[in-house]
Amino acid sequence: MPKVVSRSAVSSSTDAQPTASSAAALRVYYCICGEFILVVDKSLATLPRRTADSSIVIRTQDSDEGKARIFKLNAATGEPILLERPGGHERQYRFHCPRCSLPIGYQSTPPPAKTGPFLYIISGALTQMQGQVPPDAFDGENDS
């Protein structure tokens, strides 16, 4: 057999300007069971929270108030539920983990995701580290 000789060159430049895509870091979030659920262009900790239930608000459509987030949701849809809230009722179209069926979020319009103005992520449902329970997973639980 003939001898295989390979050569390679490594090139780098400190003069290159960062591009918009290299500056936009994507964040990956997992269900508590370890299933991949969400990729989003901003950390969930920095996004606003809903006052009604402390859910994380992800804007899905551009509007006068702000620009839509770029995200990909990997979740199964569930049956809508009707909640009684102060001042009226609220219909939630829930999204569940495809592996363990844990509810991870909801929106106010029928599926698919991004059909309404907002997607709400339930507080404590997602973690950035696979296999680790998020610190806010048990917020609001009674210490009985």
N, C-alpha and C. Protein backbone atom coordinates (compact mmCIF):
# COMPACT_ATOMS: atom_id res chain seq x y z
N MET A 1 0.83 -1.19 0.00
CA MET A 1 0.00 0.00 0.00
C MET A 1 0.87 1.25 0.00
N PRO A 2 0.43 2.25 -0.75
CA PRO A 2 1.23 3.48 -0.76
C PRO A 2 1.10 4.25 0.55
N LYS A 3 2.11 4.98 0.84
CA LYS A 3 2.14 5.79 2.05
C LYS A 3 1.26 7.02 1.85
N VAL A 4 0.40 7.35 2.85
CA VAL A 4 -0.49 8.51 2.78
C VAL A 4 0.14 9.65 3.55
N VAL A 5 0.32 10.75 2.88
CA VAL A 5 0.90 11.94 3.49
C VAL A 5 -0.15 13.04 3.41
N SER A 6 -0.40 13.67 4.53
CA SER A 6 -1.37 14.77 4.51
C SER A 6 -0.74 16.00 5.13
N ARG A 7 -1.19 17.10 4.64
CA ARG A 7 -0.70 18.36 5.16
C ARG A 7 -1.90 19.26 5.38
N SER A 8 -1.83 20.08 6.41
CA SER A 8 -2.91 21.03 6.66
C SER A 8 -2.32 22.33 7.17
N ALA A 9 -3.07 23.38 6.94
CA ALA A 9 -2.64 24.70 7.40
C ALA A 9 -3.72 25.26 8.29
N VAL A 10 -3.32 25.91 9.37
CA VAL A 10 -4.25 26.53 10.28
C VAL A 10 -4.11 28.04 10.12
N SER A 11 -5.25 28.68 9.94
CA SER A 11 -5.24 30.12 9.73
C SER A 11 -6.21 30.78 10.71
N SER A 12 -5.81 31.89 11.27
CA SER A 12 -6.70 32.65 12.13
C SER A 12 -6.40 34.12 11.96
N SER A 13 -7.41 34.92 12.31
CA SER A 13 -7.22 36.36 12.17
C SER A 13 -7.80 37.06 13.38
N THR A 14 -7.03 37.95 13.94
CA THR A 14 -7.54 38.76 15.04
C THR A 14 -8.17 40.04 14.51
N ASP A 15 -8.04 40.28 13.21
CA ASP A 15 -8.58 41.49 12.60
C ASP A 15 -10.04 41.34 12.18
N ALA A 16 -10.56 40.13 12.17
CA ALA A 16 -11.93 39.90 11.70
C ALA A 16 -12.93 40.51 12.68
N GLN A 17 -13.92 41.18 12.14
CA GLN A 17 -14.97 41.79 12.95
C GLN A 17 -16.05 40.75 13.25
N PRO A 18 -16.58 40.72 14.49
CA PRO A 18 -17.64 39.76 14.79
C PRO A 18 -18.90 40.08 13.99
N THR A 19 -19.56 39.03 13.55
CA THR A 19 -20.81 39.20 12.80
C THR A 19 -21.99 39.18 13.75
N ALA A 20 -23.15 39.57 13.25
CA ALA A 20 -24.35 39.59 14.09
C ALA A 20 -24.71 38.19 14.54
N SER A 21 -24.50 37.19 13.69
CA SER A 21 -24.87 35.82 14.06
C SER A 21 -23.91 35.26 15.11
N SER A 22 -22.65 35.69 15.11
CA SER A 22 -21.72 35.18 16.11
C SER A 22 -21.96 35.82 17.47
N ALA A 23 -22.55 37.01 17.49
CA ALA A 23 -22.81 37.69 18.75
C ALA A 23 -24.10 37.19 19.41
N ALA A 24 -24.98 36.61 18.64
CA ALA A 24 -26.26 36.13 19.16
C ALA A 24 -26.09 34.71 19.68
N ALA A 25 -25.91 34.58 20.97
CA ALA A 25 -25.74 33.27 21.57
C ALA A 25 -27.12 32.65 21.82
N LEU A 26 -27.28 31.42 21.42
CA LEU A 26 -28.54 30.72 21.65
C LEU A 26 -28.46 29.98 22.98
N ARG A 27 -29.55 29.97 23.71
CA ARG A 27 -29.64 29.27 24.99
C ARG A 27 -30.50 28.02 24.80
N VAL A 28 -30.05 26.91 25.33
CA VAL A 28 -30.76 25.64 25.22
C VAL A 28 -31.33 25.29 26.59
N TYR A 29 -32.60 24.87 26.61
CA TYR A 29 -33.27 24.51 27.86
C TYR A 29 -33.86 23.11 27.74
N TYR A 30 -33.85 22.41 28.87
CA TYR A 30 -34.30 21.03 28.94
C TYR A 30 -35.40 20.89 29.98
N CYS A 31 -36.22 19.87 29.81
CA CYS A 31 -37.19 19.49 30.83
C CYS A 31 -36.42 18.88 32.01
N ILE A 32 -37.07 18.77 33.13
CA ILE A 32 -36.44 18.16 34.31
C ILE A 32 -36.03 16.72 34.01
N CYS A 33 -36.76 16.03 33.12
CA CYS A 33 -36.43 14.64 32.77
C CYS A 33 -35.22 14.54 31.84
N GLY A 34 -34.74 15.67 31.30
CA GLY A 34 -33.58 15.69 30.43
C GLY A 34 -33.90 15.87 28.95
N GLU A 35 -35.16 15.90 28.58
CA GLU A 35 -35.57 16.07 27.18
C GLU A 35 -35.32 17.51 26.72
N PHE A 36 -34.78 17.65 25.50
CA PHE A 36 -34.59 18.97 24.90
C PHE A 36 -35.96 19.59 24.65
N ILE A 37 -36.16 20.86 25.10
CA ILE A 37 -37.46 21.52 24.96
C ILE A 37 -37.37 22.84 24.18
N LEU A 38 -36.40 23.68 24.50
CA LEU A 38 -36.42 25.05 23.97
C LEU A 38 -35.03 25.55 23.63
N VAL A 39 -34.93 26.23 22.48
CA VAL A 39 -33.75 27.01 22.12
C VAL A 39 -34.26 28.43 21.92
N VAL A 40 -33.64 29.39 22.58
CA VAL A 40 -34.10 30.77 22.50
C VAL A 40 -32.89 31.70 22.42
N ASP A 41 -33.08 32.87 21.84
CA ASP A 41 -31.98 33.80 21.61
C ASP A 41 -31.60 34.65 22.81
N LYS A 42 -32.27 34.46 23.94
CA LYS A 42 -31.95 35.23 25.14
C LYS A 42 -32.20 34.35 26.36
N SER A 43 -31.47 34.60 27.42
CA SER A 43 -31.64 33.82 28.65
C SER A 43 -33.04 34.04 29.22
N LEU A 44 -33.67 32.96 29.67
CA LEU A 44 -35.01 33.07 30.25
C LEU A 44 -35.01 33.92 31.51
N ALA A 45 -33.89 33.94 32.22
CA ALA A 45 -33.80 34.72 33.46
C ALA A 45 -33.91 36.22 33.20
N THR A 46 -33.60 36.66 31.99
CA THR A 46 -33.65 38.08 31.68
C THR A 46 -34.97 38.51 31.05
N LEU A 47 -35.83 37.57 30.73
CA LEU A 47 -37.12 37.89 30.11
C LEU A 47 -38.13 38.30 31.17
N PRO A 48 -39.15 39.07 30.79
CA PRO A 48 -40.15 39.51 31.78
C PRO A 48 -41.00 38.36 32.30
N ARG A 49 -41.59 38.57 33.46
CA ARG A 49 -42.47 37.57 34.08
C ARG A 49 -43.89 38.10 34.11
N ARG A 50 -44.82 37.18 34.00
CA ARG A 50 -46.24 37.50 34.06
C ARG A 50 -46.64 37.64 35.52
N THR A 51 -47.39 38.67 35.86
CA THR A 51 -47.76 38.89 37.26
C THR A 51 -48.79 37.89 37.75
N ALA A 52 -49.62 37.34 36.88
CA ALA A 52 -50.68 36.43 37.30
C ALA A 52 -50.13 35.13 37.90
N ASP A 53 -49.04 34.58 37.32
CA ASP A 53 -48.53 33.29 37.80
C ASP A 53 -47.01 33.16 37.73
N SER A 54 -46.30 34.26 37.54
CA SER A 54 -44.83 34.30 37.47
C SER A 54 -44.25 33.51 36.30
N SER A 55 -45.05 33.23 35.28
CA SER A 55 -44.53 32.56 34.09
C SER A 55 -43.62 33.51 33.32
N ILE A 56 -42.66 32.93 32.61
CA ILE A 56 -41.74 33.70 31.79
C ILE A 56 -42.42 34.01 30.46
N VAL A 57 -42.36 35.27 30.04
CA VAL A 57 -43.06 35.72 28.84
C VAL A 57 -42.08 35.77 27.67
N ILE A 58 -42.41 35.03 26.60
CA ILE A 58 -41.65 35.08 25.36
C ILE A 58 -42.54 35.71 24.30
N ARG A 59 -42.13 36.85 23.78
CA ARG A 59 -42.90 37.53 22.72
C ARG A 59 -42.71 36.75 21.43
N THR A 60 -43.81 36.35 20.79
CA THR A 60 -43.74 35.53 19.59
C THR A 60 -43.97 36.31 18.30
N GLN A 61 -44.49 37.53 18.41
CA GLN A 61 -44.78 38.33 17.23
C GLN A 61 -44.30 39.76 17.46
N ASP A 62 -43.82 40.40 16.39
CA ASP A 62 -43.41 41.80 16.48
C ASP A 62 -44.63 42.68 16.73
N SER A 63 -44.44 43.71 17.54
CA SER A 63 -45.52 44.67 17.79
C SER A 63 -44.90 46.02 18.12
N ASP A 64 -45.74 46.99 18.43
CA ASP A 64 -45.25 48.31 18.80
C ASP A 64 -44.46 48.27 20.10
N GLU A 65 -44.80 47.32 20.99
CA GLU A 65 -44.15 47.22 22.30
C GLU A 65 -42.78 46.56 22.25
N GLY A 66 -42.51 45.76 21.22
CA GLY A 66 -41.22 45.10 21.16
C GLY A 66 -41.09 44.13 20.01
N LYS A 67 -39.89 43.60 19.89
CA LYS A 67 -39.55 42.67 18.82
C LYS A 67 -39.73 41.23 19.30
N ALA A 68 -40.12 40.36 18.38
CA ALA A 68 -40.33 38.95 18.72
C ALA A 68 -39.00 38.27 19.00
N ARG A 69 -39.03 37.32 19.90
CA ARG A 69 -37.88 36.48 20.21
C ARG A 69 -37.76 35.40 19.15
N ILE A 70 -36.55 34.98 18.89
CA ILE A 70 -36.31 33.86 17.99
C ILE A 70 -36.17 32.62 18.87
N PHE A 71 -37.02 31.63 18.63
CA PHE A 71 -36.96 30.42 19.44
C PHE A 71 -37.52 29.23 18.69
N LYS A 72 -37.18 28.04 19.18
CA LYS A 72 -37.70 26.78 18.68
C LYS A 72 -38.19 25.99 19.88
N LEU A 73 -39.45 25.58 19.85
CA LEU A 73 -40.07 24.85 20.95
C LEU A 73 -40.29 23.41 20.52
N ASN A 74 -39.82 22.47 21.32
CA ASN A 74 -40.03 21.05 21.09
C ASN A 74 -40.95 20.54 22.18
N ALA A 75 -42.25 20.60 21.95
CA ALA A 75 -43.22 20.21 22.97
C ALA A 75 -44.47 19.64 22.31
N ALA A 76 -45.15 18.79 23.05
CA ALA A 76 -46.42 18.22 22.60
C ALA A 76 -47.55 19.13 23.08
N THR A 77 -48.60 19.20 22.29
CA THR A 77 -49.75 20.01 22.69
C THR A 77 -50.71 19.18 23.53
N GLY A 78 -51.40 19.86 24.42
CA GLY A 78 -52.37 19.19 25.28
C GLY A 78 -53.74 19.80 25.11
N GLU A 79 -54.69 19.30 25.86
CA GLU A 79 -56.05 19.83 25.83
C GLU A 79 -56.06 21.21 26.48
N PRO A 80 -56.87 22.13 25.97
CA PRO A 80 -56.97 23.44 26.60
C PRO A 80 -57.64 23.33 27.96
N ILE A 81 -57.25 24.22 28.86
CA ILE A 81 -57.89 24.26 30.17
C ILE A 81 -58.45 25.67 30.39
N LEU A 82 -59.42 25.77 31.25
CA LEU A 82 -60.04 27.04 31.57
C LEU A 82 -59.76 27.33 33.04
N LEU A 83 -59.06 28.45 33.30
CA LEU A 83 -58.71 28.84 34.67
C LEU A 83 -59.54 30.03 35.09
N GLU A 84 -59.89 30.05 36.36
CA GLU A 84 -60.57 31.22 36.92
C GLU A 84 -59.50 32.14 37.49
N ARG A 85 -59.47 33.36 36.99
CA ARG A 85 -58.54 34.37 37.45
C ARG A 85 -59.33 35.53 38.04
N PRO A 86 -58.70 36.33 38.88
CA PRO A 86 -59.40 37.53 39.36
C PRO A 86 -59.79 38.40 38.16
N GLY A 87 -61.04 38.71 38.06
CA GLY A 87 -61.52 39.53 36.95
C GLY A 87 -61.98 38.75 35.75
N GLY A 88 -62.05 37.43 35.83
CA GLY A 88 -62.55 36.67 34.69
C GLY A 88 -61.93 35.29 34.56
N HIS A 89 -62.08 34.73 33.37
CA HIS A 89 -61.55 33.41 33.07
C HIS A 89 -60.45 33.52 32.03
N GLU A 90 -59.58 32.52 32.02
CA GLU A 90 -58.48 32.48 31.06
C GLU A 90 -58.39 31.08 30.47
N ARG A 91 -58.35 31.00 29.14
CA ARG A 91 -58.17 29.72 28.47
C ARG A 91 -56.69 29.57 28.14
N GLN A 92 -56.11 28.43 28.54
CA GLN A 92 -54.71 28.15 28.27
C GLN A 92 -54.60 26.92 27.38
N TYR A 93 -53.82 27.06 26.33
CA TYR A 93 -53.49 25.93 25.46
C TYR A 93 -52.10 25.49 25.87
N ARG A 94 -52.02 24.36 26.54
CA ARG A 94 -50.79 23.93 27.19
C ARG A 94 -49.86 23.16 26.26
N PHE A 95 -48.56 23.27 26.58
CA PHE A 95 -47.51 22.50 25.92
C PHE A 95 -46.86 21.62 26.98
N HIS A 96 -46.61 20.36 26.62
CA HIS A 96 -46.05 19.37 27.54
C HIS A 96 -44.77 18.79 27.00
N CYS A 97 -43.95 18.27 27.90
CA CYS A 97 -42.73 17.56 27.51
C CYS A 97 -43.14 16.32 26.71
N PRO A 98 -42.53 16.07 25.55
CA PRO A 98 -42.92 14.89 24.77
C PRO A 98 -42.50 13.57 25.42
N ARG A 99 -41.57 13.62 26.37
CA ARG A 99 -41.12 12.38 27.01
C ARG A 99 -41.91 12.07 28.28
N CYS A 100 -42.01 13.05 29.21
CA CYS A 100 -42.62 12.77 30.51
C CYS A 100 -43.97 13.44 30.72
N SER A 101 -44.43 14.23 29.77
CA SER A 101 -45.73 14.92 29.81
C SER A 101 -45.84 16.01 30.88
N LEU A 102 -44.73 16.47 31.42
CA LEU A 102 -44.75 17.57 32.38
C LEU A 102 -45.16 18.85 31.65
N PRO A 103 -46.12 19.62 32.20
CA PRO A 103 -46.46 20.89 31.54
C PRO A 103 -45.29 21.86 31.60
N ILE A 104 -44.94 22.44 30.45
CA ILE A 104 -43.80 23.35 30.42
C ILE A 104 -44.19 24.77 30.03
N GLY A 105 -45.36 24.95 29.41
CA GLY A 105 -45.76 26.28 29.01
C GLY A 105 -47.16 26.30 28.44
N TYR A 106 -47.58 27.49 28.02
CA TYR A 106 -48.92 27.64 27.45
C TYR A 106 -48.99 28.92 26.64
N GLN A 107 -50.04 29.04 25.85
CA GLN A 107 -50.35 30.28 25.14
C GLN A 107 -51.86 30.46 25.15
N SER A 108 -52.31 31.64 24.77
CA SER A 108 -53.74 31.96 24.85
C SER A 108 -54.50 31.64 23.56
N THR A 109 -53.78 31.19 22.54
CA THR A 109 -54.42 30.84 21.27
C THR A 109 -54.17 29.37 20.96
N PRO A 110 -55.02 28.75 20.13
CA PRO A 110 -54.82 27.33 19.81
C PRO A 110 -53.47 27.09 19.14
N PRO A 111 -52.94 25.84 19.31
CA PRO A 111 -51.65 25.50 18.69
C PRO A 111 -51.73 25.63 17.17
N PRO A 112 -50.62 25.73 16.52
CA PRO A 112 -49.25 25.54 16.97
C PRO A 112 -48.70 26.75 17.70
N ALA A 113 -47.48 26.58 18.24
CA ALA A 113 -46.83 27.68 18.94
C ALA A 113 -46.61 28.85 17.99
N LYS A 114 -46.50 30.03 18.53
CA LYS A 114 -46.26 31.28 17.82
C LYS A 114 -47.50 31.81 17.10
N THR A 115 -48.68 31.25 17.35
CA THR A 115 -49.89 31.79 16.72
C THR A 115 -50.46 32.95 17.53
N GLY A 116 -50.11 33.05 18.80
CA GLY A 116 -50.55 34.15 19.65
C GLY A 116 -49.43 35.13 19.85
N PRO A 117 -49.70 36.23 20.55
CA PRO A 117 -48.66 37.24 20.75
C PRO A 117 -47.57 36.81 21.74
N PHE A 118 -47.91 35.90 22.66
CA PHE A 118 -46.94 35.49 23.68
C PHE A 118 -46.98 33.98 23.89
N LEU A 119 -45.84 33.45 24.30
CA LEU A 119 -45.73 32.08 24.80
C LEU A 119 -45.27 32.22 26.24
N TYR A 120 -45.90 31.51 27.15
CA TYR A 120 -45.56 31.60 28.57
C TYR A 120 -44.90 30.28 28.99
N ILE A 121 -43.73 30.38 29.60
CA ILE A 121 -43.01 29.23 30.13
C ILE A 121 -43.26 29.17 31.63
N ILE A 122 -43.76 28.04 32.10
CA ILE A 122 -44.09 27.88 33.52
C ILE A 122 -42.81 27.96 34.34
N SER A 123 -42.85 28.75 35.39
CA SER A 123 -41.70 28.94 36.26
C SER A 123 -41.24 27.60 36.84
N GLY A 124 -39.94 27.31 36.71
CA GLY A 124 -39.38 26.09 37.26
C GLY A 124 -39.51 24.86 36.40
N ALA A 125 -40.07 24.99 35.19
CA ALA A 125 -40.28 23.82 34.34
C ALA A 125 -39.05 23.46 33.51
N LEU A 126 -38.18 24.42 33.24
CA LEU A 126 -37.02 24.18 32.38
C LEU A 126 -35.71 24.48 33.08
N THR A 127 -34.66 23.79 32.64
CA THR A 127 -33.33 23.97 33.20
C THR A 127 -32.31 24.02 32.06
N GLN A 128 -31.19 24.70 32.28
CA GLN A 128 -30.14 24.75 31.27
C GLN A 128 -29.19 23.56 31.38
N MET A 129 -29.21 22.87 32.49
CA MET A 129 -28.33 21.72 32.70
C MET A 129 -29.16 20.45 32.71
N GLN A 130 -28.89 19.56 31.76
CA GLN A 130 -29.63 18.31 31.69
C GLN A 130 -29.46 17.53 32.99
N GLY A 131 -30.56 17.03 33.51
CA GLY A 131 -30.51 16.21 34.71
C GLY A 131 -30.49 16.98 36.01
N GLN A 132 -30.52 18.31 35.96
CA GLN A 132 -30.53 19.10 37.19
C GLN A 132 -31.88 19.80 37.33
N VAL A 133 -32.41 19.79 38.52
CA VAL A 133 -33.68 20.46 38.80
C VAL A 133 -33.40 21.96 38.94
N PRO A 134 -34.17 22.81 38.25
CA PRO A 134 -33.94 24.25 38.37
C PRO A 134 -34.24 24.74 39.77
N PRO A 135 -33.56 25.80 40.23
CA PRO A 135 -33.74 26.28 41.59
C PRO A 135 -35.16 26.74 41.91
N ASP A 136 -35.91 27.20 40.91
CA ASP A 136 -37.27 27.68 41.16
C ASP A 136 -38.33 26.63 40.88
N ALA A 137 -37.95 25.37 40.78
CA ALA A 137 -38.91 24.30 40.45
C ALA A 137 -39.97 24.10 41.53
N PHE A 138 -39.63 24.36 42.77
CA PHE A 138 -40.59 24.14 43.86
C PHE A 138 -41.07 25.42 44.51
N ASP A 139 -40.88 26.55 43.84
CA ASP A 139 -41.39 27.83 44.37
C ASP A 139 -42.91 27.76 44.47
N GLY A 140 -43.44 28.22 45.56
CA GLY A 140 -44.88 28.22 45.75
C GLY A 140 -45.42 26.95 46.37
N GLU A 141 -44.58 25.95 46.58
CA GLU A 141 -45.02 24.72 47.23
C GLU A 141 -45.12 24.95 48.74
N ASN A 142 -46.07 24.30 49.36
CA ASN A 142 -46.22 24.41 50.82
C ASN A 142 -45.17 23.56 51.50
N ASP A 143 -44.57 24.08 52.54
CA ASP A 143 -43.56 23.35 53.31
C ASP A 143 -44.22 22.60 54.45
N SER A 144 -45.11 21.68 54.15
CA SER A 144 -45.84 20.93 55.17
C SER A 144 -45.15 19.67 55.54
